[in-house]
Amino acid sequence: MHVRKISAFTLAAVAVCLSLTACDKGGTDSASSASSTTSSASPGSAQHPTQSSSSSSSSSSTSHGTAHATPSGTPKKPGVSCTNQIDYAGDSRSNAEINAIGEQTGYCPPVSGSGGSGAAHTGDHRTAVGTLEYLAPGKLIVKPQGGGMDQAFLVSDATRILGAAAICSATDGRVTVGNDGYGTSKCTVDQLEKAAKTSSVTVRVTMDPKSGGAETVEEKYHQ
């Protein structure tokens, strides 16, 4: 009888132990399953596509939002170079550079330093470009291109006068013109004054603004 009681107690203990083991195993499996589910549903990885899309959209907006400014200057005439369309006297840029800008943009750039009045200041000198007119012996006028006040100036034997064809030309009658379109033949004051009386010659005059004396007078050649 005593032996039977021990056996019954032992069987009850084994049953309890088996029950606890099963619960523990079930709990472990549930925790493992929950952990796996949580890991696969990690919120960090789900946000990357949205962020990438937002960045792409921002980049696209920046790229397409850039405005193209209209070039400044005068619309270029077809088949005419800028230096033949506009007088760039006093501009520090070369003719090739100016014409290249016109070809690339379709606009002839503004005359540098002249403000569109046909006159420019360089140190102690003043340069004016316009139509030559006669005022009095030894005193002439240049009417600036693009409007503005007439500029009177004095000429003397010390003035360097360079013609292309209208003021004077080479001794053999050839037209002599430099790369900038202005004459290179040496002329006299008498020839200059005679040309001034026609009011049809365009010149570039460099003078001393204090004395009003012209240092150079160059004829602009017109074909």
C-alpha atoms as a PDB file:
ATOM      1  CA  MET A   1       0.000   0.000   0.000  1.00  0.00           C
ATOM      2  CA  HIS A   2       2.849   2.338   0.803  1.00  0.00           C
ATOM      3  CA  VAL A   3       4.521   1.487  -2.474  1.00  0.00           C
ATOM      4  CA  ARG A   4       1.371   2.327  -4.414  1.00  0.00           C
ATOM      5  CA  LYS A   5       1.176   5.782  -2.818  1.00  0.00           C
ATOM      6  CA  ILE A   6       4.747   6.554  -3.864  1.00  0.00           C
ATOM      7  CA  SER A   7       4.026   5.426  -7.393  1.00  0.00           C
ATOM      8  CA  ALA A   8       0.934   7.558  -7.582  1.00  0.00           C
ATOM      9  CA  PHE A   9       2.877  10.567  -6.297  1.00  0.00           C
ATOM     10  CA  THR A  10       5.636   9.961  -8.793  1.00  0.00           C
ATOM     11  CA  LEU A  11       3.204   9.713 -11.681  1.00  0.00           C
ATOM     12  CA  ALA A  12       1.561  12.986 -10.607  1.00  0.00           C
ATOM     13  CA  ALA A  13       4.955  14.712 -10.471  1.00  0.00           C
ATOM     14  CA  VAL A  14       5.903  13.443 -13.923  1.00  0.00           C
ATOM     15  CA  ALA A  15       2.604  14.676 -15.331  1.00  0.00           C
ATOM     16  CA  VAL A  16       3.143  18.122 -13.842  1.00  0.00           C
ATOM     17  CA  CYS A  17       6.689  18.234 -15.202  1.00  0.00           C
ATOM     18  CA  LEU A  18       5.550  17.244 -18.701  1.00  0.00           C
ATOM     19  CA  SER A  19       2.872  19.903 -18.570  1.00  0.00           C
ATOM     20  CA  LEU A  20       5.396  22.584 -17.570  1.00  0.00           C
ATOM     21  CA  THR A  21       7.812  21.511 -20.307  1.00  0.00           C
ATOM     22  CA  ALA A  22       5.088  21.742 -22.930  1.00  0.00           C
ATOM     23  CA  CYS A  23       4.113  25.242 -21.750  1.00  0.00           C
ATOM     24  CA  ASP A  24       7.680  26.391 -21.754  1.00  0.00           C
ATOM     25  CA  LYS A  25       8.208  25.077 -25.271  1.00  0.00           C
ATOM     26  CA  GLY A  26       4.998  26.683 -26.446  1.00  0.00           C
ATOM     27  CA  GLY A  27       5.996  29.982 -24.859  1.00  0.00           C
ATOM     28  CA  THR A  28       9.395  29.857 -26.495  1.00  0.00           C
ATOM     29  CA  ASP A  29       7.885  29.150 -29.916  1.00  0.00           C
ATOM     30  CA  SER A  30       5.391  31.992 -29.490  1.00  0.00           C
ATOM     31  CA  ALA A  31       8.127  34.442 -28.483  1.00  0.00           C
ATOM     32  CA  SER A  32      10.280  33.312 -31.405  1.00  0.00           C
ATOM     33  CA  SER A  33       7.364  33.698 -33.808  1.00  0.00           C
ATOM     34  CA  ALA A  34       6.561  37.172 -32.467  1.00  0.00           C
ATOM     35  CA  SER A  35      10.208  38.205 -32.731  1.00  0.00           C
ATOM     36  CA  SER A  36      10.341  36.973 -36.329  1.00  0.00           C
ATOM     37  CA  THR A  37       7.173  38.873 -37.193  1.00  0.00           C
ATOM     38  CA  THR A  38       8.474  42.055 -35.597  1.00  0.00           C
ATOM     39  CA  SER A  39      11.805  41.771 -37.458  1.00  0.00           C
ATOM     40  CA  SER A  40      10.194  41.236 -40.847  1.00  0.00           C
ATOM     41  CA  ALA A  41       7.903  44.215 -40.301  1.00  0.00           C
ATOM     42  CA  SER A  42      10.747  46.597 -39.285  1.00  0.00           C
ATOM     43  CA  PRO A  43       9.545  50.170 -40.004  1.00  0.00           C
ATOM     44  CA  GLY A  44      13.046  51.419 -40.841  1.00  0.00           C
ATOM     45  CA  SER A  45      13.303  49.491 -44.092  1.00  0.00           C
ATOM     46  CA  ALA A  46       9.852  50.538 -45.262  1.00  0.00           C
ATOM     47  CA  GLN A  47      10.734  54.258 -45.213  1.00  0.00           C
ATOM     48  CA  HIS A  48      13.621  54.171 -47.717  1.00  0.00           C
ATOM     49  CA  PRO A  49      11.529  54.032 -50.931  1.00  0.00           C
ATOM     50  CA  THR A  50       9.537  57.099 -49.798  1.00  0.00           C
ATOM     51  CA  GLN A  51      12.682  59.051 -48.953  1.00  0.00           C
ATOM     52  CA  SER A  52      14.314  58.114 -52.276  1.00  0.00           C
ATOM     53  CA  SER A  53      11.210  59.149 -54.177  1.00  0.00           C
ATOM     54  CA  SER A  54      11.094  62.476 -52.329  1.00  0.00           C
ATOM     55  CA  SER A  55      14.777  63.139 -53.055  1.00  0.00           C
ATOM     56  CA  SER A  56      14.299  62.275 -56.722  1.00  0.00           C
ATOM     57  CA  SER A  57      11.273  64.546 -56.949  1.00  0.00           C
ATOM     58  CA  SER A  58      13.187  67.409 -55.334  1.00  0.00           C
ATOM     59  CA  SER A  59      16.123  66.933 -57.690  1.00  0.00           C
ATOM     60  CA  SER A  60      13.822  66.846 -60.698  1.00  0.00           C
ATOM     61  CA  SER A  61      12.077  70.018 -59.571  1.00  0.00           C
ATOM     62  CA  THR A  62      15.408  71.790 -59.130  1.00  0.00           C
ATOM     63  CA  SER A  63      16.599  70.686 -62.540  1.00  0.00           C
ATOM     64  CA  HIS A  64      13.482  71.778 -64.411  1.00  0.00           C
ATOM     65  CA  GLY A  65      12.969  74.935 -62.372  1.00  0.00           C
ATOM     66  CA  THR A  66      16.088  76.674 -63.691  1.00  0.00           C
ATOM     67  CA  ALA A  67      15.203  79.747 -65.767  1.00  0.00           C
ATOM     68  CA  HIS A  68      17.106  80.745 -68.901  1.00  0.00           C
ATOM     69  CA  ALA A  69      17.853  84.484 -68.949  1.00  0.00           C
ATOM     70  CA  THR A  70      17.501  86.387 -72.238  1.00  0.00           C
ATOM     71  CA  PRO A  71      20.905  87.689 -73.422  1.00  0.00           C
ATOM     72  CA  SER A  72      21.343  91.459 -73.180  1.00  0.00           C
ATOM     73  CA  GLY A  73      22.165  93.553 -76.210  1.00  0.00           C
ATOM     74  CA  THR A  74      20.750  94.169 -79.679  1.00  0.00           C
ATOM     75  CA  PRO A  75      19.197  91.370 -81.761  1.00  0.00           C
ATOM     76  CA  LYS A  76      21.746  90.344 -84.397  1.00  0.00           C
ATOM     77  CA  LYS A  77      20.775  90.888 -88.032  1.00  0.00           C
ATOM     78  CA  PRO A  78      21.002  87.734 -90.189  1.00  0.00           C
ATOM     79  CA  GLY A  79      24.181  87.587 -92.236  1.00  0.00           C
ATOM     80  CA  VAL A  80      25.668  90.705 -90.588  1.00  0.00           C
ATOM     81  CA  SER A  81      28.460  90.528 -88.013  1.00  0.00           C
ATOM     82  CA  CYS A  82      28.015  92.484 -84.788  1.00  0.00           C
ATOM     83  CA  THR A  83      31.045  94.693 -85.473  1.00  0.00           C
ATOM     84  CA  ASN A  84      29.498  95.736 -88.798  1.00  0.00           C
ATOM     85  CA  GLN A  85      26.089  96.260 -87.240  1.00  0.00           C
ATOM     86  CA  ILE A  86      27.313  98.274 -84.225  1.00  0.00           C
ATOM     87  CA  ASP A  87      30.396 100.463 -83.749  1.00  0.00           C
ATOM     88  CA  TYR A  88      32.449  99.006 -80.887  1.00  0.00           C
ATOM     89  CA  ALA A  89      35.000 101.816 -80.709  1.00  0.00           C
ATOM     90  CA  GLY A  90      36.548 101.980 -77.254  1.00  0.00           C
ATOM     91  CA  ASP A  91      35.531  98.394 -76.461  1.00  0.00           C
ATOM     92  CA  SER A  92      38.476  96.419 -75.057  1.00  0.00           C
ATOM     93  CA  ARG A  93      37.253  93.152 -76.596  1.00  0.00           C
ATOM     94  CA  SER A  94      38.472  91.952 -79.985  1.00  0.00           C
ATOM     95  CA  ASN A  95      36.171  91.861 -83.004  1.00  0.00           C
ATOM     96  CA  ALA A  96      36.412  88.064 -83.033  1.00  0.00           C
ATOM     97  CA  GLU A  97      35.227  87.845 -79.409  1.00  0.00           C
ATOM     98  CA  ILE A  98      32.346  90.256 -79.976  1.00  0.00           C
ATOM     99  CA  ASN A  99      31.196  88.487 -83.152  1.00  0.00           C
ATOM    100  CA  ALA A 100      31.442  85.085 -81.448  1.00  0.00           C
ATOM    101  CA  ILE A 101      29.038  86.287 -78.744  1.00  0.00           C
ATOM    102  CA  GLY A 102      26.625  87.423 -81.432  1.00  0.00           C
ATOM    103  CA  GLU A 103      26.756  84.094 -83.261  1.00  0.00           C
ATOM    104  CA  GLN A 104      26.261  82.063 -80.084  1.00  0.00           C
ATOM    105  CA  THR A 105      23.469  84.112 -78.494  1.00  0.00           C
ATOM    106  CA  GLY A 106      21.818  85.841 -81.456  1.00  0.00           C
ATOM    107  CA  TYR A 107      22.375  89.186 -79.701  1.00  0.00           C
ATOM    108  CA  CYS A 108      25.139  91.728 -80.251  1.00  0.00           C
ATOM    109  CA  PRO A 109      26.508  92.589 -76.775  1.00  0.00           C
ATOM    110  CA  PRO A 110      26.353  96.166 -75.448  1.00  0.00           C
ATOM    111  CA  VAL A 111      29.387  98.329 -76.161  1.00  0.00           C
ATOM    112  CA  SER A 112      31.646  98.000 -73.135  1.00  0.00           C
ATOM    113  CA  GLY A 113      32.403 101.309 -71.422  1.00  0.00           C
ATOM    114  CA  SER A 114      30.445 103.508 -73.818  1.00  0.00           C
ATOM    115  CA  GLY A 115      26.984 103.263 -72.259  1.00  0.00           C
ATOM    116  CA  GLY A 116      25.528 103.319 -75.789  1.00  0.00           C
ATOM    117  CA  SER A 117      26.343 107.008 -76.312  1.00  0.00           C
ATOM    118  CA  GLY A 118      29.287 106.486 -78.628  1.00  0.00           C
ATOM    119  CA  ALA A 119      31.724 107.889 -76.087  1.00  0.00           C
ATOM    120  CA  ALA A 120      34.024 106.235 -73.591  1.00  0.00           C
ATOM    121  CA  HIS A 121      36.467 107.379 -70.935  1.00  0.00           C
ATOM    122  CA  THR A 122      39.868 105.701 -70.640  1.00  0.00           C
ATOM    123  CA  GLY A 123      42.123 107.241 -68.021  1.00  0.00           C
ATOM    124  CA  ASP A 124      42.932 110.829 -69.068  1.00  0.00           C
ATOM    125  CA  HIS A 125      41.471 110.359 -72.547  1.00  0.00           C
ATOM    126  CA  ARG A 126      38.013 110.554 -74.022  1.00  0.00           C
ATOM    127  CA  THR A 127      36.946 108.590 -77.085  1.00  0.00           C
ATOM    128  CA  ALA A 128      33.942 109.598 -79.161  1.00  0.00           C
ATOM    129  CA  VAL A 129      32.552 107.874 -82.236  1.00  0.00           C
ATOM    130  CA  GLY A 130      30.129 109.532 -84.619  1.00  0.00           C
ATOM    131  CA  THR A 131      29.631 111.684 -87.690  1.00  0.00           C
ATOM    132  CA  LEU A 132      32.333 114.242 -88.425  1.00  0.00           C
ATOM    133  CA  GLU A 133      31.211 117.843 -89.036  1.00  0.00           C
ATOM    134  CA  TYR A 134      33.016 121.115 -89.714  1.00  0.00           C
ATOM    135  CA  LEU A 135      32.743 124.018 -87.245  1.00  0.00           C
ATOM    136  CA  ALA A 136      35.665 126.370 -87.934  1.00  0.00           C
ATOM    137  CA  PRO A 137      39.308 126.187 -89.078  1.00  0.00           C
ATOM    138  CA  GLY A 138      41.067 123.838 -86.676  1.00  0.00           C
ATOM    139  CA  LYS A 139      37.809 123.071 -84.866  1.00  0.00           C
ATOM    140  CA  LEU A 140      35.516 120.171 -85.734  1.00  0.00           C
ATOM    141  CA  ILE A 141      32.569 118.335 -84.214  1.00  0.00           C
ATOM    142  CA  VAL A 142      31.714 114.670 -83.761  1.00  0.00           C
ATOM    143  CA  LYS A 143      28.026 113.821 -83.365  1.00  0.00           C
ATOM    144  CA  PRO A 144      27.955 110.671 -81.156  1.00  0.00           C
ATOM    145  CA  GLN A 145      26.211 107.573 -82.455  1.00  0.00           C
ATOM    146  CA  GLY A 146      23.088 106.663 -80.539  1.00  0.00           C
ATOM    147  CA  GLY A 147      22.398 110.285 -79.609  1.00  0.00           C
ATOM    148  CA  GLY A 148      23.973 112.521 -77.008  1.00  0.00           C
ATOM    149  CA  MET A 149      25.638 115.915 -76.939  1.00  0.00           C
ATOM    150  CA  ASP A 150      27.867 116.968 -79.840  1.00  0.00           C
ATOM    151  CA  GLN A 151      31.554 116.890 -78.965  1.00  0.00           C
ATOM    152  CA  ALA A 152      33.738 119.694 -80.306  1.00  0.00           C
ATOM    153  CA  PHE A 153      37.484 119.128 -80.621  1.00  0.00           C
ATOM    154  CA  LEU A 154      40.576 120.877 -81.904  1.00  0.00           C
ATOM    155  CA  VAL A 155      42.954 119.576 -84.560  1.00  0.00           C
ATOM    156  CA  SER A 156      46.516 120.570 -85.353  1.00  0.00           C
ATOM    157  CA  ASP A 157      49.578 119.234 -87.098  1.00  0.00           C
ATOM    158  CA  ALA A 158      50.211 117.178 -83.948  1.00  0.00           C
ATOM    159  CA  THR A 159      46.926 115.308 -84.445  1.00  0.00           C
ATOM    160  CA  ARG A 160      47.347 111.832 -85.896  1.00  0.00           C
ATOM    161  CA  ILE A 161      44.789 111.577 -88.703  1.00  0.00           C
ATOM    162  CA  LEU A 162      44.185 108.171 -90.274  1.00  0.00           C
ATOM    163  CA  GLY A 163      41.936 107.676 -93.283  1.00  0.00           C
ATOM    164  CA  ALA A 164      40.490 104.715 -95.158  1.00  0.00           C
ATOM    165  CA  ALA A 165      38.962 106.206 -98.306  1.00  0.00           C
ATOM    166  CA  ALA A 166      36.820 109.295 -97.581  1.00  0.00           C
ATOM    167  CA  ILE A 167      39.382 111.436 -95.726  1.00  0.00           C
ATOM    168  CA  CYS A 168      42.328 110.074 -97.681  1.00  0.00           C
ATOM    169  CA  SER A 169      43.668 106.732 -98.861  1.00  0.00           C
ATOM    170  CA  ALA A 170      46.947 105.200 -99.911  1.00  0.00           C
ATOM    171  CA  THR A 171      48.908 107.030-102.612  1.00  0.00           C
ATOM    172  CA  ASP A 172      47.908 104.398-105.162  1.00  0.00           C
ATOM    173  CA  GLY A 173      44.222 104.792-104.322  1.00  0.00           C
ATOM    174  CA  ARG A 174      43.902 101.584-102.304  1.00  0.00           C
ATOM    175  CA  VAL A 175      41.620 101.449 -99.291  1.00  0.00           C
ATOM    176  CA  THR A 176      43.699 100.842 -96.168  1.00  0.00           C
ATOM    177  CA  VAL A 177      41.842  99.445 -93.182  1.00  0.00           C
ATOM    178  CA  GLY A 178      42.998  97.760 -89.978  1.00  0.00           C
ATOM    179  CA  ASN A 179      41.438  94.730 -88.291  1.00  0.00           C
ATOM    180  CA  ASP A 180      39.124  97.019 -86.304  1.00  0.00           C
ATOM    181  CA  GLY A 181      37.613  98.544 -89.461  1.00  0.00           C
ATOM    182  CA  TYR A 182      39.344 101.925 -89.152  1.00  0.00           C
ATOM    183  CA  GLY A 183      41.679 103.540 -91.668  1.00  0.00           C
ATOM    184  CA  THR A 184      45.453 103.407 -91.463  1.00  0.00           C
ATOM    185  CA  SER A 185      46.591 105.932 -94.120  1.00  0.00           C
ATOM    186  CA  LYS A 186      48.097 109.158 -92.772  1.00  0.00           C
ATOM    187  CA  CYS A 187      46.117 112.252 -93.765  1.00  0.00           C
ATOM    188  CA  THR A 188      46.545 116.014 -93.375  1.00  0.00           C
ATOM    189  CA  VAL A 189      44.451 118.518 -91.427  1.00  0.00           C
ATOM    190  CA  ASP A 190      43.267 120.051 -94.715  1.00  0.00           C
ATOM    191  CA  GLN A 191      42.043 116.652 -95.928  1.00  0.00           C
ATOM    192  CA  LEU A 192      40.273 116.105 -92.617  1.00  0.00           C
ATOM    193  CA  GLU A 193      38.496 119.463 -92.718  1.00  0.00           C
ATOM    194  CA  LYS A 194      37.439 118.906 -96.316  1.00  0.00           C
ATOM    195  CA  ALA A 195      35.898 115.552 -95.372  1.00  0.00           C
ATOM    196  CA  ALA A 196      34.204 117.146 -92.335  1.00  0.00           C
ATOM    197  CA  LYS A 197      32.329 119.594 -94.592  1.00  0.00           C
ATOM    198  CA  THR A 198      30.529 116.649 -96.275  1.00  0.00           C
ATOM    199  CA  SER A 199      28.975 115.562 -92.923  1.00  0.00           C
ATOM    200  CA  SER A 200      29.071 111.978 -94.170  1.00  0.00           C
ATOM    201  CA  VAL A 201      32.209 110.494 -92.588  1.00  0.00           C
ATOM    202  CA  THR A 202      32.178 108.437 -89.399  1.00  0.00           C
ATOM    203  CA  VAL A 203      35.244 108.843 -87.221  1.00  0.00           C
ATOM    204  CA  ARG A 204      36.658 107.734 -83.892  1.00  0.00           C
ATOM    205  CA  VAL A 205      38.214 110.652 -82.044  1.00  0.00           C
ATOM    206  CA  THR A 206      40.536 110.263 -79.054  1.00  0.00           C
ATOM    207  CA  MET A 207      41.111 113.531 -77.250  1.00  0.00           C
ATOM    208  CA  ASP A 208      42.375 115.156 -74.093  1.00  0.00           C
ATOM    209  CA  PRO A 209      39.200 116.235 -72.247  1.00  0.00           C
ATOM    210  CA  LYS A 210      41.040 119.066 -70.480  1.00  0.00           C
ATOM    211  CA  SER A 211      42.455 120.798 -73.532  1.00  0.00           C
ATOM    212  CA  GLY A 212      39.915 119.550 -76.072  1.00  0.00           C
ATOM    213  CA  GLY A 213      42.740 118.729 -78.464  1.00  0.00           C
ATOM    214  CA  ALA A 214      42.368 115.596 -80.579  1.00  0.00           C
ATOM    215  CA  GLU A 215      45.233 113.138 -80.364  1.00  0.00           C
ATOM    216  CA  THR A 216      43.919 110.812 -83.084  1.00  0.00           C
ATOM    217  CA  VAL A 217      41.120 110.950 -85.640  1.00  0.00           C
ATOM    218  CA  GLU A 218      40.399 107.648 -87.394  1.00  0.00           C
ATOM    219  CA  GLU A 219      38.002 107.129 -90.270  1.00  0.00           C
ATOM    220  CA  LYS A 220      35.492 104.293 -89.989  1.00  0.00           C
ATOM    221  CA  TYR A 221      35.410 102.499 -93.317  1.00  0.00           C
ATOM    222  CA  HIS A 222      31.961 101.880 -94.807  1.00  0.00           C
ATOM    223  CA  GLN A 223      31.731  99.508 -97.742  1.00  0.00           C
END
